[in-house]
Amino acid sequence: MLAHNGYSHVRQLGGKWVGLLRFNFTVGLVVGLDGGGYDRRYCFEFAEDAIQSLDAWDGHDHPGGPWIKCKGAGIDLLNPSLS
């Protein structure tokens, strides 16, 4: 079902399902995947950066790499390492 809806690199990290999803202008590293969607996403400019960040991440705290924003219900966070 997830692949049919465009998700890739899906795996379980830190007790949550995560994966990648292409948006119009970014690639999202999505966290908390379930049948209804996801909890939050980290927006990356390039797919390669999102893949590398997902591969290196343990699922806790924020992923590394050049994500631009973290978005979700009540979340709108700029990457502090980019400021």
PDB file of N, CA and C in Angstrom:
ATOM      1  N   MET A   1       0.820  -1.194   0.000  1.00  0.00           N
ATOM      2  CA  MET A   1       0.000   0.000   0.000  1.00  0.00           C
ATOM      3  C   MET A   1       0.867   1.262   0.000  1.00  0.00           C
ATOM      4  N   LEU A   2       1.932   1.283   0.815  1.00  0.00           N
ATOM      5  CA  LEU A   2       2.780   2.477   0.891  1.00  0.00           C
ATOM      6  C   LEU A   2       3.480   2.740  -0.436  1.00  0.00           C
ATOM      7  N   ALA A   3       4.023   1.712  -1.056  1.00  0.00           N
ATOM      8  CA  ALA A   3       4.688   1.889  -2.352  1.00  0.00           C
ATOM      9  C   ALA A   3       3.694   2.384  -3.398  1.00  0.00           C
ATOM     10  N   HIS A   4       2.481   1.881  -3.361  1.00  0.00           N
ATOM     11  CA  HIS A   4       1.442   2.305  -4.301  1.00  0.00           C
ATOM     12  C   HIS A   4       1.129   3.802  -4.148  1.00  0.00           C
ATOM     13  N   ASN A   5       1.307   4.328  -2.947  1.00  0.00           N
ATOM     14  CA  ASN A   5       1.038   5.742  -2.680  1.00  0.00           C
ATOM     15  C   ASN A   5       2.277   6.616  -2.767  1.00  0.00           C
ATOM     16  N   GLY A   6       3.373   6.078  -3.320  1.00  0.00           N
ATOM     17  CA  GLY A   6       4.551   6.895  -3.592  1.00  0.00           C
ATOM     18  C   GLY A   6       5.650   6.850  -2.548  1.00  0.00           C
ATOM     19  N   TYR A   7       5.467   6.119  -1.461  1.00  0.00           N
ATOM     20  CA  TYR A   7       6.493   6.040  -0.419  1.00  0.00           C
ATOM     21  C   TYR A   7       7.599   5.089  -0.852  1.00  0.00           C
ATOM     22  N   SER A   8       8.829   5.411  -0.473  1.00  0.00           N
ATOM     23  CA  SER A   8       9.963   4.532  -0.746  1.00  0.00           C
ATOM     24  C   SER A   8      10.857   4.465   0.487  1.00  0.00           C
ATOM     25  N   HIS A   9      11.815   3.546   0.475  1.00  0.00           N
ATOM     26  CA  HIS A   9      12.785   3.397   1.566  1.00  0.00           C
ATOM     27  C   HIS A   9      12.089   3.242   2.920  1.00  0.00           C
ATOM     28  N   VAL A  10      10.970   2.564   2.953  1.00  0.00           N
ATOM     29  CA  VAL A  10      10.181   2.413   4.181  1.00  0.00           C
ATOM     30  C   VAL A  10      10.854   1.400   5.100  1.00  0.00           C
ATOM     31  N   ARG A  11      10.946   1.776   6.377  1.00  0.00           N
ATOM     32  CA  ARG A  11      11.506   0.890   7.403  1.00  0.00           C
ATOM     33  C   ARG A  11      11.029   1.351   8.771  1.00  0.00           C
ATOM     34  N   GLN A  12      11.302   0.562   9.776  1.00  0.00           N
ATOM     35  CA  GLN A  12      10.938   0.935  11.136  1.00  0.00           C
ATOM     36  C   GLN A  12      12.181   1.416  11.872  1.00  0.00           C
ATOM     37  N   LEU A  13      12.077   2.603  12.476  1.00  0.00           N
ATOM     38  CA  LEU A  13      13.162   3.202  13.269  1.00  0.00           C
ATOM     39  C   LEU A  13      12.571   3.778  14.544  1.00  0.00           C
ATOM     40  N   GLY A  14      13.219   3.519  15.658  1.00  0.00           N
ATOM     41  CA  GLY A  14      12.771   4.099  16.914  1.00  0.00           C
ATOM     42  C   GLY A  14      11.320   3.790  17.232  1.00  0.00           C
ATOM     43  N   GLY A  15      10.828   2.643  16.794  1.00  0.00           N
ATOM     44  CA  GLY A  15       9.450   2.243  17.070  1.00  0.00           C
ATOM     45  C   GLY A  15       8.412   2.848  16.141  1.00  0.00           C
ATOM     46  N   LYS A  16       8.839   3.598  15.129  1.00  0.00           N
ATOM     47  CA  LYS A  16       7.914   4.216  14.179  1.00  0.00           C
ATOM     48  C   LYS A  16       8.296   3.841  12.756  1.00  0.00           C
ATOM     49  N   TRP A  17       7.291   3.804  11.892  1.00  0.00           N
ATOM     50  CA  TRP A  17       7.550   3.579  10.473  1.00  0.00           C
ATOM     51  C   TRP A  17       7.954   4.900   9.828  1.00  0.00           C
ATOM     52  N   VAL A  18       9.013   4.866   9.053  1.00  0.00           N
ATOM     53  CA  VAL A  18       9.542   6.044   8.356  1.00  0.00           C
ATOM     54  C   VAL A  18       9.763   5.700   6.888  1.00  0.00           C
ATOM     55  N   GLY A  19       9.890   6.712   6.056  1.00  0.00           N
ATOM     56  CA  GLY A  19      10.167   6.496   4.644  1.00  0.00           C
ATOM     57  C   GLY A  19      10.322   7.827   3.942  1.00  0.00           C
ATOM     58  N   LEU A  20      10.422   7.759   2.631  1.00  0.00           N
ATOM     59  CA  LEU A  20      10.574   8.968   1.822  1.00  0.00           C
ATOM     60  C   LEU A  20       9.355   9.132   0.925  1.00  0.00           C
ATOM     61  N   LEU A  21       8.987  10.386   0.684  1.00  0.00           N
ATOM     62  CA  LEU A  21       7.860  10.702  -0.192  1.00  0.00           C
ATOM     63  C   LEU A  21       8.204  11.952  -0.987  1.00  0.00           C
ATOM     64  N   ARG A  22       8.015  11.895  -2.285  1.00  0.00           N
ATOM     65  CA  ARG A  22       8.293  13.036  -3.169  1.00  0.00           C
ATOM     66  C   ARG A  22       7.139  14.024  -3.103  1.00  0.00           C
ATOM     67  N   PHE A  23       7.456  15.296  -2.889  1.00  0.00           N
ATOM     68  CA  PHE A  23       6.486  16.385  -2.931  1.00  0.00           C
ATOM     69  C   PHE A  23       6.803  17.230  -4.162  1.00  0.00           C
ATOM     70  N   ASN A  24       6.046  18.281  -4.409  1.00  0.00           N
ATOM     71  CA  ASN A  24       6.262  19.098  -5.606  1.00  0.00           C
ATOM     72  C   ASN A  24       7.677  19.670  -5.688  1.00  0.00           C
ATOM     73  N   PHE A  25       8.189  20.213  -4.600  1.00  0.00           N
ATOM     74  CA  PHE A  25       9.480  20.889  -4.633  1.00  0.00           C
ATOM     75  C   PHE A  25      10.515  20.293  -3.698  1.00  0.00           C
ATOM     76  N   THR A  26      10.142  19.294  -2.911  1.00  0.00           N
ATOM     77  CA  THR A  26      11.057  18.687  -1.942  1.00  0.00           C
ATOM     78  C   THR A  26      10.839  17.182  -1.885  1.00  0.00           C
ATOM     79  N   VAL A  27      11.732  16.531  -1.151  1.00  0.00           N
ATOM     80  CA  VAL A  27      11.559  15.122  -0.793  1.00  0.00           C
ATOM     81  C   VAL A  27      11.411  15.092   0.713  1.00  0.00           C
ATOM     82  N   GLY A  28      10.350  14.462   1.199  1.00  0.00           N
ATOM     83  CA  GLY A  28      10.093  14.407   2.625  1.00  0.00           C
ATOM     84  C   GLY A  28      10.562  13.104   3.236  1.00  0.00           C
ATOM     85  N   LEU A  29      11.301  13.212   4.324  1.00  0.00           N
ATOM     86  CA  LEU A  29      11.584  12.070   5.168  1.00  0.00           C
ATOM     87  C   LEU A  29      10.423  12.061   6.162  1.00  0.00           C
ATOM     88  N   VAL A  30       9.500  11.127   5.985  1.00  0.00           N
ATOM     89  CA  VAL A  30       8.266  11.127   6.761  1.00  0.00           C
ATOM     90  C   VAL A  30       8.386  10.166   7.934  1.00  0.00           C
ATOM     91  N   VAL A  31       7.807  10.559   9.062  1.00  0.00           N
ATOM     92  CA  VAL A  31       7.930   9.824  10.314  1.00  0.00           C
ATOM     93  C   VAL A  31       6.536   9.522  10.847  1.00  0.00           C
ATOM     94  N   GLY A  32       6.361   8.319  11.369  1.00  0.00           N
ATOM     95  CA  GLY A  32       5.075   7.937  11.957  1.00  0.00           C
ATOM     96  C   GLY A  32       4.059   7.513  10.915  1.00  0.00           C
ATOM     97  N   LEU A  33       4.508   6.814   9.889  1.00  0.00           N
ATOM     98  CA  LEU A  33       3.610   6.354   8.824  1.00  0.00           C
ATOM     99  C   LEU A  33       2.592   5.361   9.350  1.00  0.00           C
ATOM    100  N   ASP A  34       1.367   5.533   8.890  1.00  0.00           N
ATOM    101  CA  ASP A  34       0.321   4.544   9.128  1.00  0.00           C
ATOM    102  C   ASP A  34      -0.702   4.661   8.010  1.00  0.00           C
ATOM    103  N   GLY A  35      -1.797   3.955   8.110  1.00  0.00           N
ATOM    104  CA  GLY A  35      -2.801   3.958   7.053  1.00  0.00           C
ATOM    105  C   GLY A  35      -3.415   5.318   6.776  1.00  0.00           C
ATOM    106  N   GLY A  36      -3.319   6.249   7.716  1.00  0.00           N
ATOM    107  CA  GLY A  36      -3.905   7.573   7.551  1.00  0.00           C
ATOM    108  C   GLY A  36      -2.940   8.653   7.121  1.00  0.00           C
ATOM    109  N   GLY A  37      -1.658   8.330   7.000  1.00  0.00           N
ATOM    110  CA  GLY A  37      -0.675   9.337   6.612  1.00  0.00           C
ATOM    111  C   GLY A  37       0.573   9.244   7.463  1.00  0.00           C
ATOM    112  N   TYR A  38       1.019  10.385   8.012  1.00  0.00           N
ATOM    113  CA  TYR A  38       2.248  10.428   8.810  1.00  0.00           C
ATOM    114  C   TYR A  38       2.124  11.532   9.848  1.00  0.00           C
ATOM    115  N   ASP A  39       3.005  11.482  10.868  1.00  0.00           N
ATOM    116  CA  ASP A  39       2.999  12.471  11.954  1.00  0.00           C
ATOM    117  C   ASP A  39       3.729  13.756  11.575  1.00  0.00           C
ATOM    118  N   ARG A  40       4.905  13.607  10.982  1.00  0.00           N
ATOM    119  CA  ARG A  40       5.709  14.777  10.607  1.00  0.00           C
ATOM    120  C   ARG A  40       6.614  14.416   9.443  1.00  0.00           C
ATOM    121  N   ARG A  41       7.180  15.465   8.823  1.00  0.00           N
ATOM    122  CA  ARG A  41       8.115  15.229   7.727  1.00  0.00           C
ATOM    123  C   ARG A  41       9.254  16.238   7.806  1.00  0.00           C
ATOM    124  N   TYR A  42      10.405  15.789   7.355  1.00  0.00           N
ATOM    125  CA  TYR A  42      11.585  16.638   7.207  1.00  0.00           C
ATOM    126  C   TYR A  42      11.773  16.865   5.720  1.00  0.00           C
ATOM    127  N   CYS A  43      11.763  18.111   5.296  1.00  0.00           N
ATOM    128  CA  CYS A  43      11.816  18.456   3.872  1.00  0.00           C
ATOM    129  C   CYS A  43      13.261  18.647   3.418  1.00  0.00           C
ATOM    130  N   PHE A  44      13.637  17.930   2.373  1.00  0.00           N
ATOM    131  CA  PHE A  44      14.971  18.012   1.776  1.00  0.00           C
ATOM    132  C   PHE A  44      14.846  18.519   0.352  1.00  0.00           C
ATOM    133  N   GLU A  45      15.832  19.276  -0.090  1.00  0.00           N
ATOM    134  CA  GLU A  45      15.831  19.757  -1.470  1.00  0.00           C
ATOM    135  C   GLU A  45      16.135  18.624  -2.449  1.00  0.00           C
ATOM    136  N   PHE A  46      17.056  17.740  -2.070  1.00  0.00           N
ATOM    137  CA  PHE A  46      17.507  16.685  -2.973  1.00  0.00           C
ATOM    138  C   PHE A  46      17.239  15.298  -2.392  1.00  0.00           C
ATOM    139  N   ALA A  47      16.798  14.376  -3.239  1.00  0.00           N
ATOM    140  CA  ALA A  47      16.504  13.001  -2.820  1.00  0.00           C
ATOM    141  C   ALA A  47      17.739  12.324  -2.232  1.00  0.00           C
ATOM    142  N   GLU A  48      18.903  12.556  -2.816  1.00  0.00           N
ATOM    143  CA  GLU A  48      20.133  11.920  -2.338  1.00  0.00           C
ATOM    144  C   GLU A  48      20.419  12.287  -0.883  1.00  0.00           C
ATOM    145  N   ASP A  49      20.177  13.551  -0.522  1.00  0.00           N
ATOM    146  CA  ASP A  49      20.388  13.990   0.866  1.00  0.00           C
ATOM    147  C   ASP A  49      19.395  13.310   1.804  1.00  0.00           C
ATOM    148  N   ALA A  50      18.154  13.182   1.365  1.00  0.00           N
ATOM    149  CA  ALA A  50      17.135  12.530   2.188  1.00  0.00           C
ATOM    150  C   ALA A  50      17.476  11.060   2.408  1.00  0.00           C
ATOM    151  N   ILE A  51      17.935  10.384   1.364  1.00  0.00           N
ATOM    152  CA  ILE A  51      18.309   8.975   1.476  1.00  0.00           C
ATOM    153  C   ILE A  51      19.482   8.809   2.434  1.00  0.00           C
ATOM    154  N   GLN A  52      20.505   9.649   2.290  1.00  0.00           N
ATOM    155  CA  GLN A  52      21.678   9.565   3.176  1.00  0.00           C
ATOM    156  C   GLN A  52      21.291   9.833   4.626  1.00  0.00           C
ATOM    157  N   SER A  53      20.427  10.818   4.854  1.00  0.00           N
ATOM    158  CA  SER A  53      19.997  11.132   6.216  1.00  0.00           C
ATOM    159  C   SER A  53      19.205   9.991   6.814  1.00  0.00           C
ATOM    160  N   LEU A  54      18.305   9.410   6.029  1.00  0.00           N
ATOM    161  CA  LEU A  54      17.513   8.282   6.519  1.00  0.00           C
ATOM    162  C   LEU A  54      18.419   7.093   6.831  1.00  0.00           C
ATOM    163  N   ASP A  55      19.372   6.800   5.965  1.00  0.00           N
ATOM    164  CA  ASP A  55      20.274   5.671   6.183  1.00  0.00           C
ATOM    165  C   ASP A  55      21.118   5.837   7.448  1.00  0.00           C
ATOM    166  N   ALA A  56      21.478   7.067   7.796  1.00  0.00           N
ATOM    167  CA  ALA A  56      22.333   7.327   8.957  1.00  0.00           C
ATOM    168  C   ALA A  56      21.554   7.544  10.253  1.00  0.00           C
ATOM    169  N   TRP A  57      20.250   7.727  10.175  1.00  0.00           N
ATOM    170  CA  TRP A  57      19.436   8.112  11.334  1.00  0.00           C
ATOM    171  C   TRP A  57      19.025   6.902  12.153  1.00  0.00           C
ATOM    172  N   ASP A  58      18.996   7.061  13.486  1.00  0.00           N
ATOM    173  CA  ASP A  58      18.547   5.988  14.372  1.00  0.00           C
ATOM    174  C   ASP A  58      17.077   6.128  14.767  1.00  0.00           C
ATOM    175  N   GLY A  59      16.413   7.177  14.285  1.00  0.00           N
ATOM    176  CA  GLY A  59      14.994   7.372  14.587  1.00  0.00           C
ATOM    177  C   GLY A  59      14.717   8.217  15.810  1.00  0.00           C
ATOM    178  N   HIS A  60      15.756   8.649  16.499  1.00  0.00           N
ATOM    179  CA  HIS A  60      15.596   9.483  17.697  1.00  0.00           C
ATOM    180  C   HIS A  60      16.052  10.909  17.395  1.00  0.00           C
ATOM    181  N   ASP A  61      15.496  11.855  18.105  1.00  0.00           N
ATOM    182  CA  ASP A  61      15.785  13.273  17.882  1.00  0.00           C
ATOM    183  C   ASP A  61      15.505  13.611  16.415  1.00  0.00           C
ATOM    184  N   HIS A  62      16.218  14.578  15.875  1.00  0.00           N
ATOM    185  CA  HIS A  62      16.060  14.940  14.465  1.00  0.00           C
ATOM    186  C   HIS A  62      17.113  14.217  13.642  1.00  0.00           C
ATOM    187  N   PRO A  63      16.817  13.918  12.377  1.00  0.00           N
ATOM    188  CA  PRO A  63      17.854  13.327  11.525  1.00  0.00           C
ATOM    189  C   PRO A  63      18.931  14.360  11.218  1.00  0.00           C
ATOM    190  N   GLY A  64      20.082  13.892  10.834  1.00  0.00           N
ATOM    191  CA  GLY A  64      21.142  14.784  10.399  1.00  0.00           C
ATOM    192  C   GLY A  64      20.894  15.210   8.964  1.00  0.00           C
ATOM    193  N   GLY A  65      21.831  15.953   8.434  1.00  0.00           N
ATOM    194  CA  GLY A  65      21.738  16.341   7.038  1.00  0.00           C
ATOM    195  C   GLY A  65      21.066  17.679   6.827  1.00  0.00           C
ATOM    196  N   PRO A  66      21.013  18.092   5.576  1.00  0.00           N
ATOM    197  CA  PRO A  66      20.533  19.436   5.249  1.00  0.00           C
ATOM    198  C   PRO A  66      19.018  19.532   5.049  1.00  0.00           C
ATOM    199  N   TRP A  67      18.233  18.993   5.997  1.00  0.00           N
ATOM    200  CA  TRP A  67      16.792  19.205   5.873  1.00  0.00           C
ATOM    201  C   TRP A  67      16.496  20.672   6.094  1.00  0.00           C
ATOM    202  N   ILE A  68      15.471  21.138   5.417  1.00  0.00           N
ATOM    203  CA  ILE A  68      15.142  22.564   5.436  1.00  0.00           C
ATOM    204  C   ILE A  68      14.160  22.884   6.546  1.00  0.00           C
ATOM    205  N   LYS A  69      13.068  22.117   6.598  1.00  0.00           N
ATOM    206  CA  LYS A  69      12.017  22.336   7.593  1.00  0.00           C
ATOM    207  C   LYS A  69      11.485  21.009   8.073  1.00  0.00           C
ATOM    208  N   CYS A  70      10.975  21.020   9.295  1.00  0.00           N
ATOM    209  CA  CYS A  70      10.205  19.908   9.838  1.00  0.00           C
ATOM    210  C   CYS A  70       8.781  20.409   9.970  1.00  0.00           C
ATOM    211  N   LYS A  71       7.832  19.672   9.363  1.00  0.00           N
ATOM    212  CA  LYS A  71       6.425  20.081   9.376  1.00  0.00           C
ATOM    213  C   LYS A  71       5.554  18.940   9.874  1.00  0.00           C
ATOM    214  N   GLY A  72       4.479  19.315  10.518  1.00  0.00           N
ATOM    215  CA  GLY A  72       3.502  18.354  11.002  1.00  0.00           C
ATOM    216  C   GLY A  72       2.442  19.099  11.785  1.00  0.00           C
ATOM    217  N   ALA A  73       1.552  18.371  12.420  1.00  0.00           N
ATOM    218  CA  ALA A  73       0.488  19.007  13.209  1.00  0.00           C
ATOM    219  C   ALA A  73       1.123  19.792  14.359  1.00  0.00           C
ATOM    220  N   GLY A  74       1.048  21.107  14.290  1.00  0.00           N
ATOM    221  CA  GLY A  74       1.619  21.973  15.324  1.00  0.00           C
ATOM    222  C   GLY A  74       3.125  22.118  15.250  1.00  0.00           C
ATOM    223  N   ILE A  75       3.751  21.631  14.173  1.00  0.00           N
ATOM    224  CA  ILE A  75       5.212  21.696  14.022  1.00  0.00           C
ATOM    225  C   ILE A  75       5.556  22.490  12.761  1.00  0.00           C
ATOM    226  N   ASP A  76       6.407  23.475  12.910  1.00  0.00           N
ATOM    227  CA  ASP A  76       6.929  24.226  11.762  1.00  0.00           C
ATOM    228  C   ASP A  76       8.310  24.726  12.185  1.00  0.00           C
ATOM    229  N   LEU A  77       9.320  23.866  12.021  1.00  0.00           N
ATOM    230  CA  LEU A  77      10.645  24.103  12.560  1.00  0.00           C
ATOM    231  C   LEU A  77      11.669  24.206  11.441  1.00  0.00           C
ATOM    232  N   LEU A  78      12.423  25.293  11.408  1.00  0.00           N
ATOM    233  CA  LEU A  78      13.563  25.409  10.501  1.00  0.00           C
ATOM    234  C   LEU A  78      14.733  24.621  11.077  1.00  0.00           C
ATOM    235  N   ASN A  79      15.542  24.031  10.211  1.00  0.00           N
ATOM    236  CA  ASN A  79      16.716  23.287  10.663  1.00  0.00           C
ATOM    237  C   ASN A  79      17.666  24.256  11.348  1.00  0.00           C
ATOM    238  N   PRO A  80      17.914  24.073  12.665  1.00  0.00           N
ATOM    239  CA  PRO A  80      18.789  25.008  13.383  1.00  0.00           C
ATOM    240  C   PRO A  80      20.215  25.023  12.856  1.00  0.00           C
ATOM    241  N   SER A  81      20.669  23.945  12.230  1.00  0.00           N
ATOM    242  CA  SER A  81      22.053  23.930  11.736  1.00  0.00           C
ATOM    243  C   SER A  81      22.217  24.724  10.448  1.00  0.00           C
ATOM    244  N   LEU A  82      21.125  25.170   9.836  1.00  0.00           N
ATOM    245  CA  LEU A  82      21.214  25.969   8.610  1.00  0.00           C
ATOM    246  C   LEU A  82      21.169  27.474   8.878  1.00  0.00           C
ATOM    247  N   SER A  83      20.965  27.872  10.119  1.00  0.00           N
ATOM    248  CA  SER A  83      20.883  29.310  10.414  1.00  0.00           C
ATOM    249  C   SER A  83      22.200  29.900  10.831  1.00  0.00           C
TER     250      SER A  83
END
